[in-house]
Amino acid sequence: MSAPLPEALAATRDDFLALSKRDRLQLLLEFSNELPPLSERYQGHEEELERVEECQSPVFIDVTVGEPADGPDIVRMVATAPAEAPTTRGFASILVQGLTGLHSAEVLAVPSDYPLTLGLQEAVSPLRIRGMVGMLGRVQRQVRALVS
């Protein structure tokens, strides 16, 4: 049996599935407006972020585990994506909000097909869905590297 989906990601999934296909796209656009800006640590140091090659738009992410302010084994994700790519920003925002604050084992237990469970396949292109799957995969790869 697989681990239960973290609460924030489960709630996000349920919110999307409760809406019509058209309204799901609107919710994704709302998430794009909620992507937190990069902290001062990354301002002028964007080269520390990893490019998500699976995304059509230029998306960059970084993951830390166990920062002093967060506590041991707590994951923090940051991401940046251009305002001109609202669906990509929305995907990044969902992951930043849903994964930040979790223990590394919880992040690693998120099913790789989580983006497919949001019901967005008919609202956005398959390339956009592939981008979100790629983002999640890169986050999990970074977490694995940091905790090994």
C-alpha atoms as a PDB file:
ATOM      1  CA  MET A   1       0.000   0.000   0.000  1.00  0.00           C
ATOM      2  CA  SER A   2       1.347   3.423  -0.890  1.00  0.00           C
ATOM      3  CA  ALA A   3       1.624   6.286   1.581  1.00  0.00           C
ATOM      4  CA  PRO A   4      -1.305   8.696   1.747  1.00  0.00           C
ATOM      5  CA  LEU A   5      -1.006  11.855  -0.302  1.00  0.00           C
ATOM      6  CA  PRO A   6       0.145  14.853   1.795  1.00  0.00           C
ATOM      7  CA  GLU A   7      -2.798  16.914   3.003  1.00  0.00           C
ATOM      8  CA  ALA A   8      -2.116  20.039   0.926  1.00  0.00           C
ATOM      9  CA  LEU A   9      -1.691  18.086  -2.311  1.00  0.00           C
ATOM     10  CA  ALA A  10      -4.800  16.005  -1.601  1.00  0.00           C
ATOM     11  CA  ALA A  11      -6.828  19.160  -0.914  1.00  0.00           C
ATOM     12  CA  THR A  12      -5.562  20.761  -4.127  1.00  0.00           C
ATOM     13  CA  ARG A  13      -6.459  17.655  -6.122  1.00  0.00           C
ATOM     14  CA  ASP A  14      -9.930  17.573  -4.565  1.00  0.00           C
ATOM     15  CA  ASP A  15     -10.432  21.290  -5.308  1.00  0.00           C
ATOM     16  CA  PHE A  16      -9.600  20.733  -8.987  1.00  0.00           C
ATOM     17  CA  LEU A  17     -11.787  17.657  -9.319  1.00  0.00           C
ATOM     18  CA  ALA A  18     -14.771  19.458  -7.752  1.00  0.00           C
ATOM     19  CA  LEU A  19     -14.765  21.960 -10.636  1.00  0.00           C
ATOM     20  CA  SER A  20     -15.809  21.853 -14.265  1.00  0.00           C
ATOM     21  CA  LYS A  21     -13.010  21.523 -16.824  1.00  0.00           C
ATOM     22  CA  ARG A  22     -13.232  25.232 -17.651  1.00  0.00           C
ATOM     23  CA  ASP A  23     -13.093  26.248 -14.004  1.00  0.00           C
ATOM     24  CA  ARG A  24     -10.080  23.976 -13.423  1.00  0.00           C
ATOM     25  CA  LEU A  25      -8.068  26.116 -15.803  1.00  0.00           C
ATOM     26  CA  GLN A  26      -9.181  29.229 -13.909  1.00  0.00           C
ATOM     27  CA  LEU A  27      -8.054  27.663 -10.618  1.00  0.00           C
ATOM     28  CA  LEU A  28      -4.679  26.839 -12.164  1.00  0.00           C
ATOM     29  CA  LEU A  29      -4.341  30.485 -13.201  1.00  0.00           C
ATOM     30  CA  GLU A  30      -5.176  31.536  -9.639  1.00  0.00           C
ATOM     31  CA  PHE A  31      -2.372  29.304  -8.377  1.00  0.00           C
ATOM     32  CA  SER A  32      -0.009  31.071 -10.797  1.00  0.00           C
ATOM     33  CA  ASN A  33      -0.624  34.323  -8.920  1.00  0.00           C
ATOM     34  CA  GLU A  34       0.284  32.601  -5.640  1.00  0.00           C
ATOM     35  CA  LEU A  35       3.793  31.468  -6.608  1.00  0.00           C
ATOM     36  CA  PRO A  36       5.989  32.972  -3.892  1.00  0.00           C
ATOM     37  CA  PRO A  37       8.761  35.261  -5.123  1.00  0.00           C
ATOM     38  CA  LEU A  38      12.337  34.067  -4.764  1.00  0.00           C
ATOM     39  CA  SER A  39      13.892  34.838  -1.402  1.00  0.00           C
ATOM     40  CA  GLU A  40      16.837  37.192  -1.037  1.00  0.00           C
ATOM     41  CA  ARG A  41      19.118  34.154  -0.975  1.00  0.00           C
ATOM     42  CA  TYR A  42      18.368  33.529  -4.666  1.00  0.00           C
ATOM     43  CA  GLN A  43      18.114  37.139  -5.867  1.00  0.00           C
ATOM     44  CA  GLY A  44      21.038  37.577  -8.233  1.00  0.00           C
ATOM     45  CA  HIS A  45      21.988  33.917  -7.774  1.00  0.00           C
ATOM     46  CA  GLU A  46      19.487  32.264 -10.097  1.00  0.00           C
ATOM     47  CA  GLU A  47      22.292  30.021 -11.377  1.00  0.00           C
ATOM     48  CA  GLU A  48      21.806  28.011  -8.162  1.00  0.00           C
ATOM     49  CA  LEU A  49      18.400  26.950  -9.475  1.00  0.00           C
ATOM     50  CA  GLU A  50      17.961  23.920 -11.734  1.00  0.00           C
ATOM     51  CA  ARG A  51      16.269  24.402 -15.094  1.00  0.00           C
ATOM     52  CA  VAL A  52      13.303  22.075 -15.613  1.00  0.00           C
ATOM     53  CA  GLU A  53      14.046  20.957 -19.157  1.00  0.00           C
ATOM     54  CA  GLU A  54      10.713  19.137 -19.467  1.00  0.00           C
ATOM     55  CA  CYS A  55       8.901  22.494 -19.383  1.00  0.00           C
ATOM     56  CA  GLN A  56       8.406  24.528 -22.538  1.00  0.00           C
ATOM     57  CA  SER A  57       8.721  27.723 -20.513  1.00  0.00           C
ATOM     58  CA  PRO A  58      11.864  28.613 -18.572  1.00  0.00           C
ATOM     59  CA  VAL A  59      11.168  27.180 -15.122  1.00  0.00           C
ATOM     60  CA  PHE A  60      13.842  26.934 -12.454  1.00  0.00           C
ATOM     61  CA  ILE A  61      13.626  25.150  -9.103  1.00  0.00           C
ATOM     62  CA  ASP A  62      15.721  24.456  -6.049  1.00  0.00           C
ATOM     63  CA  VAL A  63      15.139  22.247  -3.068  1.00  0.00           C
ATOM     64  CA  THR A  64      16.715  22.342   0.374  1.00  0.00           C
ATOM     65  CA  VAL A  65      16.361  19.848   3.189  1.00  0.00           C
ATOM     66  CA  GLY A  66      16.991  20.621   6.837  1.00  0.00           C
ATOM     67  CA  GLU A  67      17.705  24.337   6.699  1.00  0.00           C
ATOM     68  CA  PRO A  68      18.241  25.711  10.230  1.00  0.00           C
ATOM     69  CA  ALA A  69      15.053  27.792  10.093  1.00  0.00           C
ATOM     70  CA  ASP A  70      13.005  24.758   9.017  1.00  0.00           C
ATOM     71  CA  GLY A  71      14.350  21.954  11.171  1.00  0.00           C
ATOM     72  CA  PRO A  72      15.926  18.627  10.312  1.00  0.00           C
ATOM     73  CA  ASP A  73      14.584  16.729   7.332  1.00  0.00           C
ATOM     74  CA  ILE A  74      12.098  19.445   6.330  1.00  0.00           C
ATOM     75  CA  VAL A  75      11.896  20.191   2.601  1.00  0.00           C
ATOM     76  CA  ARG A  76      11.678  23.660   1.140  1.00  0.00           C
ATOM     77  CA  MET A  77      11.103  24.191  -2.560  1.00  0.00           C
ATOM     78  CA  VAL A  78      11.495  27.417  -4.508  1.00  0.00           C
ATOM     79  CA  ALA A  79      10.590  27.995  -8.126  1.00  0.00           C
ATOM     80  CA  THR A  80      10.497  30.752 -10.651  1.00  0.00           C
ATOM     81  CA  ALA A  81       8.633  30.934 -13.934  1.00  0.00           C
ATOM     82  CA  PRO A  82       7.732  33.888 -16.149  1.00  0.00           C
ATOM     83  CA  ALA A  83       4.402  35.652 -15.777  1.00  0.00           C
ATOM     84  CA  GLU A  84       3.876  34.982 -19.490  1.00  0.00           C
ATOM     85  CA  ALA A  85       3.595  31.251 -18.662  1.00  0.00           C
ATOM     86  CA  PRO A  86       0.678  31.187 -16.213  1.00  0.00           C
ATOM     87  CA  THR A  87      -0.100  27.469 -16.467  1.00  0.00           C
ATOM     88  CA  THR A  88       3.527  26.592 -15.787  1.00  0.00           C
ATOM     89  CA  ARG A  89       3.623  29.083 -12.907  1.00  0.00           C
ATOM     90  CA  GLY A  90       0.441  27.505 -11.588  1.00  0.00           C
ATOM     91  CA  PHE A  91       1.977  24.027 -11.642  1.00  0.00           C
ATOM     92  CA  ALA A  92       5.101  25.330  -9.903  1.00  0.00           C
ATOM     93  CA  SER A  93       2.967  27.059  -7.287  1.00  0.00           C
ATOM     94  CA  ILE A  94       0.993  23.891  -6.561  1.00  0.00           C
ATOM     95  CA  LEU A  95       4.223  22.007  -5.945  1.00  0.00           C
ATOM     96  CA  VAL A  96       5.878  24.771  -3.895  1.00  0.00           C
ATOM     97  CA  GLN A  97       2.804  25.092  -1.679  1.00  0.00           C
ATOM     98  CA  GLY A  98       2.186  21.362  -1.471  1.00  0.00           C
ATOM     99  CA  LEU A  99       5.730  20.142  -0.826  1.00  0.00           C
ATOM    100  CA  THR A 100       7.344  22.877   1.265  1.00  0.00           C
ATOM    101  CA  GLY A 101       7.270  21.970   4.942  1.00  0.00           C
ATOM    102  CA  LEU A 102       7.001  18.220   4.413  1.00  0.00           C
ATOM    103  CA  HIS A 103       9.526  15.651   5.607  1.00  0.00           C
ATOM    104  CA  SER A 104      11.736  14.245   2.863  1.00  0.00           C
ATOM    105  CA  ALA A 105      10.053  10.816   3.041  1.00  0.00           C
ATOM    106  CA  GLU A 106       6.658  12.444   2.440  1.00  0.00           C
ATOM    107  CA  VAL A 107       7.962  14.262  -0.652  1.00  0.00           C
ATOM    108  CA  LEU A 108       9.528  11.090  -1.992  1.00  0.00           C
ATOM    109  CA  ALA A 109       6.270   9.193  -1.437  1.00  0.00           C
ATOM    110  CA  VAL A 110       4.212  11.522  -3.668  1.00  0.00           C
ATOM    111  CA  PRO A 111       3.193   9.421  -6.674  1.00  0.00           C
ATOM    112  CA  SER A 112       4.969  10.493  -9.852  1.00  0.00           C
ATOM    113  CA  ASP A 113       1.592  10.671 -11.605  1.00  0.00           C
ATOM    114  CA  TYR A 114       0.169  13.211  -9.122  1.00  0.00           C
ATOM    115  CA  PRO A 115      -0.134  15.895 -11.858  1.00  0.00           C
ATOM    116  CA  LEU A 116      -2.371  13.548 -13.835  1.00  0.00           C
ATOM    117  CA  THR A 117      -4.796  13.315 -10.906  1.00  0.00           C
ATOM    118  CA  LEU A 118      -5.741  17.005 -11.128  1.00  0.00           C
ATOM    119  CA  GLY A 119      -8.053  16.485 -14.101  1.00  0.00           C
ATOM    120  CA  LEU A 120      -6.292  19.036 -16.276  1.00  0.00           C
ATOM    121  CA  GLN A 121      -5.582  16.817 -19.291  1.00  0.00           C
ATOM    122  CA  GLU A 122      -8.430  18.376 -21.282  1.00  0.00           C
ATOM    123  CA  ALA A 123      -7.677  21.934 -20.138  1.00  0.00           C
ATOM    124  CA  VAL A 124      -3.950  22.165 -20.940  1.00  0.00           C
ATOM    125  CA  SER A 125      -1.663  20.568 -23.488  1.00  0.00           C
ATOM    126  CA  PRO A 126       0.071  17.250 -22.874  1.00  0.00           C
ATOM    127  CA  LEU A 127       3.383  19.135 -22.995  1.00  0.00           C
ATOM    128  CA  ARG A 128       2.285  21.247 -20.026  1.00  0.00           C
ATOM    129  CA  ILE A 129       1.285  18.139 -18.060  1.00  0.00           C
ATOM    130  CA  ARG A 130       4.655  16.596 -18.954  1.00  0.00           C
ATOM    131  CA  GLY A 131       6.302  19.730 -17.572  1.00  0.00           C
ATOM    132  CA  MET A 132       4.605  19.356 -14.202  1.00  0.00           C
ATOM    133  CA  VAL A 133       5.491  15.672 -14.042  1.00  0.00           C
ATOM    134  CA  GLY A 134       9.063  16.725 -14.836  1.00  0.00           C
ATOM    135  CA  MET A 135       9.046  19.338 -12.067  1.00  0.00           C
ATOM    136  CA  LEU A 136       7.895  16.795  -9.508  1.00  0.00           C
ATOM    137  CA  GLY A 137      10.497  14.298 -10.707  1.00  0.00           C
ATOM    138  CA  ARG A 138      13.296  16.846 -10.410  1.00  0.00           C
ATOM    139  CA  VAL A 139      12.182  17.847  -6.914  1.00  0.00           C
ATOM    140  CA  GLN A 140      12.188  14.219  -5.824  1.00  0.00           C
ATOM    141  CA  ARG A 141      15.607  13.666  -7.421  1.00  0.00           C
ATOM    142  CA  GLN A 142      17.019  16.677  -5.567  1.00  0.00           C
ATOM    143  CA  VAL A 143      15.525  15.462  -2.276  1.00  0.00           C
ATOM    144  CA  ARG A 144      16.983  11.974  -2.787  1.00  0.00           C
ATOM    145  CA  ALA A 145      20.412  13.475  -3.470  1.00  0.00           C
ATOM    146  CA  LEU A 146      20.242  15.678  -0.392  1.00  0.00           C
ATOM    147  CA  VAL A 147      19.203  12.946   2.038  1.00  0.00           C
ATOM    148  CA  SER A 148      21.486  10.192   0.761  1.00  0.00           C
END
